[in-house]
Protein backbone atom coordinates (compact mmCIF):
# COMPACT_ATOMS: atom_id res chain seq x y z
CA MET A 1 -2.49 9.61 -8.63
CA LYS A 2 -4.01 6.46 -10.19
CA ARG A 3 -0.55 5.02 -10.81
CA GLN A 4 0.51 5.89 -7.26
CA PHE A 5 -2.67 4.33 -5.90
CA PHE A 6 -2.15 1.06 -7.75
CA ALA A 7 1.54 1.03 -6.97
CA CYS A 8 0.66 1.41 -3.32
CA LEU A 9 -1.77 -1.40 -3.63
CA SER A 10 0.80 -3.60 -5.21
CA ILE A 11 3.19 -2.77 -2.51
CA LEU A 12 0.71 -3.44 0.15
CA SER A 13 -0.08 -6.81 -1.27
CA ALA A 14 3.52 -7.53 -1.91
CA VAL A 15 4.15 -7.12 1.69
CA ALA A 16 1.16 -9.35 2.12
CA LEU A 17 0.47 -6.54 4.37
CA THR A 18 -0.59 -6.98 7.81
CA ALA A 19 0.48 -5.88 11.16
CA CYS A 20 -0.86 -7.72 14.11
CA GLY A 21 -4.50 -7.97 13.89
CA GLY A 22 -5.79 -8.53 10.39
CA GLY A 23 -5.41 -12.20 9.88
CA SER A 24 -2.23 -13.01 11.72
CA ASP A 25 -2.42 -15.90 14.15
CA GLY A 26 -0.02 -14.14 16.51
CA GLY A 27 2.44 -17.04 16.39
CA SER A 28 4.02 -16.19 13.07
CA SER A 29 6.93 -13.83 12.73
CA ASP A 30 7.35 -13.78 8.98
CA PRO A 31 8.31 -10.38 7.53
CA ILE A 32 5.07 -10.18 5.53
CA ASP A 33 2.75 -10.77 8.46
CA LYS A 34 2.52 -7.14 9.57
CA TYR A 35 0.84 -6.26 6.26
CA ILE A 36 -1.80 -8.99 6.08
CA GLY A 37 -5.40 -7.82 6.23
CA SER A 38 -7.35 -4.84 4.91
CA TRP A 39 -6.15 -1.25 4.83
CA GLY A 40 -8.10 1.76 3.61
CA ASN A 41 -8.95 5.43 3.84
CA CYS A 42 -10.98 8.23 2.29
CA TYR A 43 -8.90 10.64 0.21
CA VAL A 44 -10.26 14.08 -0.74
CA SER A 45 -9.36 15.91 -3.93
CA GLY A 46 -11.15 19.20 -4.51
CA ALA A 47 -14.93 18.61 -4.38
CA ALA A 48 -14.60 14.82 -4.79
CA SER A 49 -13.27 11.91 -2.76
CA ALA A 50 -12.18 8.31 -3.18
CA LYS A 51 -12.47 5.41 -0.74
CA VAL A 52 -9.49 3.13 -1.31
CA VAL A 53 -9.25 -0.32 0.27
CA ALA A 54 -6.29 -2.69 -0.17
CA THR A 55 -6.52 -6.27 1.06
CA PHE A 56 -3.38 -8.40 1.44
CA THR A 57 -3.05 -12.15 1.78
CA LYS A 58 0.07 -14.15 2.55
CA THR A 59 1.52 -16.66 0.08
CA SER A 60 4.91 -17.19 1.79
CA ALA A 61 7.17 -15.61 4.42
CA ALA A 62 8.07 -12.71 2.11
CA THR A 63 5.36 -12.69 -0.60
CA GLY A 64 1.67 -11.98 -0.87
CA ASN A 65 -1.24 -11.15 -3.13
CA TYR A 66 -3.32 -8.01 -2.98
CA SER A 67 -6.57 -6.62 -4.27
CA LEU A 68 -7.31 -2.93 -4.49
CA VAL A 69 -10.69 -1.28 -4.81
CA ALA A 70 -11.15 2.47 -5.31
CA ASN A 71 -14.62 4.02 -5.34
CA GLY A 72 -14.96 7.67 -6.34
CA TYR A 73 -17.65 9.99 -4.98
CA ALA A 74 -18.93 13.46 -5.90
CA SER A 75 -18.75 14.34 -2.19
CA THR A 76 -15.79 15.22 0.03
CA ASN A 77 -16.48 12.44 2.58
CA CYS A 78 -16.70 9.22 0.54
CA SER A 79 -20.48 9.09 0.81
CA GLY A 80 -23.39 9.01 -1.58
CA ALA A 81 -23.58 7.26 -4.91
CA VAL A 82 -20.39 5.78 -6.35
CA ALA A 83 -19.49 7.94 -9.36
CA ALA A 84 -16.57 5.82 -10.56
CA SER A 85 -14.89 2.59 -9.53
CA SER A 86 -11.56 0.96 -10.25
CA THR A 87 -9.98 -2.33 -9.16
CA ASP A 88 -6.59 -3.98 -9.43
CA THR A 89 -4.88 -7.13 -8.22
CA GLY A 90 -1.27 -8.17 -8.04
CA THR A 91 1.59 -9.60 -6.06
CA ALA A 92 4.06 -8.16 -3.58
CA VAL A 93 7.55 -9.50 -2.90
CA LEU A 94 9.65 -8.19 -0.01
CA GLN A 95 13.22 -7.38 -1.05
CA GLY A 96 14.85 -6.58 2.28
CA ALA A 97 14.90 -3.37 4.28
CA LYS A 98 16.43 0.10 4.24
CA THR A 99 16.35 3.20 6.40
CA ILE A 100 14.50 6.42 5.61
CA GLY A 101 15.19 9.03 8.26
CA ALA A 102 14.87 7.21 11.59
CA GLU A 103 12.54 4.49 10.25
CA THR A 104 13.33 1.06 8.90
CA VAL A 105 11.11 0.39 5.87
CA ASP A 106 10.59 -2.72 3.77
CA LYS A 107 11.60 -2.65 0.13
CA VAL A 108 8.90 -4.25 -2.04
CA ILE A 109 8.35 -5.06 -5.67
CA PHE A 110 4.64 -4.76 -6.43
CA THR A 111 3.54 -6.31 -9.66
CA SER A 112 0.19 -4.83 -10.63
CA ARG A 113 -2.10 -6.47 -13.18
CA THR A 114 -2.66 -3.00 -14.66
CA ASP A 115 0.68 -1.23 -14.29
CA GLY A 116 3.25 -4.03 -14.10
CA PRO A 117 6.15 -4.08 -11.60
CA ALA A 118 7.09 -1.13 -9.40
CA LYS A 119 9.75 -0.72 -6.72
CA GLN A 120 8.34 0.74 -3.54
CA VAL A 121 8.98 1.04 0.18
CA VAL A 122 6.37 0.48 2.87
CA VAL A 123 6.21 0.84 6.64
CA VAL A 124 3.59 0.20 9.32
CA ARG A 125 3.43 2.81 12.08
CA GLY A 126 1.88 1.82 15.37
CA GLN A 127 0.33 -1.30 13.83
CA GLN A 128 -2.47 0.89 12.43
CA GLN A 129 -1.03 3.11 9.67
CA LEU A 130 0.56 1.93 6.45
CA LEU A 131 2.68 4.41 4.50
CA LEU A 132 4.34 4.06 1.11
CA GLY A 133 7.27 5.83 -0.41
CA ARG A 134 6.84 8.77 -2.75
CA ALA A 135 7.39 7.11 -6.13
CA ALA A 136 9.53 8.60 -8.89
CA ALA A 137 6.42 8.73 -11.12
CA ASP A 138 4.95 11.16 -8.56
CA GLY A 139 8.07 13.32 -8.32
CA GLY A 140 9.75 11.51 -5.46
CA PRO A 141 13.50 10.89 -5.29
CA VAL A 142 14.80 7.31 -5.58
CA ASP A 143 18.05 5.63 -4.53
CA ALA A 144 20.57 3.96 -6.86
CA ASP A 145 18.46 0.76 -6.82
CA GLY A 146 15.27 2.61 -7.80
CA TYR A 147 13.48 2.57 -4.40
CA PRO A 148 11.87 5.77 -3.01
CA THR A 149 13.91 7.69 -0.44
CA THR A 150 11.00 9.61 1.13
CA LEU A 151 7.65 8.54 2.59
CA ASP A 152 4.39 9.95 1.26
CA THR A 153 2.56 11.14 4.37
CA SER A 154 -0.36 12.48 2.30
CA PHE A 155 -1.47 8.95 1.36
CA VAL A 156 -1.91 6.87 4.54
CA PHE A 157 -3.78 3.56 4.75
CA ILE A 158 -5.51 2.75 8.06
CA ARG A 159 -5.97 -0.85 9.26
CA GLN A 160 -9.61 -1.82 8.81
């Protein structure tokens, strides 16, 4: 899960993630713009939870930087004292697009400071939800180029 989390973060930053609203001036139409801004959610695992926030900034039309912060809690609602914390930073580089089911997704190479490069796919649904592909390291199938071929709907980032 940690590797998936940081890979997602990388991807998010790679896409310089943003979709209308978190830092876009509205006049730009660069591919990375829809990912720019902050994305997060509370993820529950058993009796614990983790609040994960990824923030993406744009460095060019198809590249960005990201920072990822994950705070773990002994509760199931991301509240109370932080029991554990982890951070990561990296870059994201868009590599074109592909289709998964009926959706067009962006192919991204996220290069994490902790885990190194990872091929990933990412899509923004309704300008508010960011989904990543199910990585091979997490049991997901990949195409001949090494990109995931399914989306992981259990790990959804919400625009903050």
